[in-house]
């Protein structure tokens, strides 16, 4: 608790033994030898946290729209993220919850679904990375999709993945780049 308090009041520099570039959320386990957050069942518990380097620019070339949004395992409501009208056709981007367990990003032209992407599967893929915490290369957090109607790139800015057992829980923030063809 003492280290947590010092972090909350920005006084970690008072601990002389900490490395110069100590990052509380990333370096804690390496410095102290145990996880920042305790899990009740160590045998089945996973906890991973990744982020995109915030200093890297986002290349938007080839895309017409850039959105940012987030998802959390506990979210139950469907929600629209964007509505765009092109040549009298309304295109909608939504987060759809399927039975409260799977999250999908859905692209619609009017009432027709033109693409559906499982965000849950993307989070599960990220959960499979061997590294437990830290900044990942952009290609590990970037996913591209394309069909005859739409081109989509999803770039995770942050992903926290945790579970005691199945299913894997997630909290993620990401960019959505897309173009309608």
Foldseek 3Di string as FASTA:
>chain_A
DVCVVCVVVVNNVVPVPDDPPDDCQFCVCVVPVDDPDDDPQVVQKAKAKEFAPPPDDDDQPPFDDKFKDKDWLQDDDKAWGDWDADPNWIKTWIWHADVSGWTWIFIDTHPRTPDIGTPLVLLVQLSPDPDRYYYDYQVNQWDWDDDQFKTKIKGWRMKIWIDSHPDIIIITMIMITMDTD
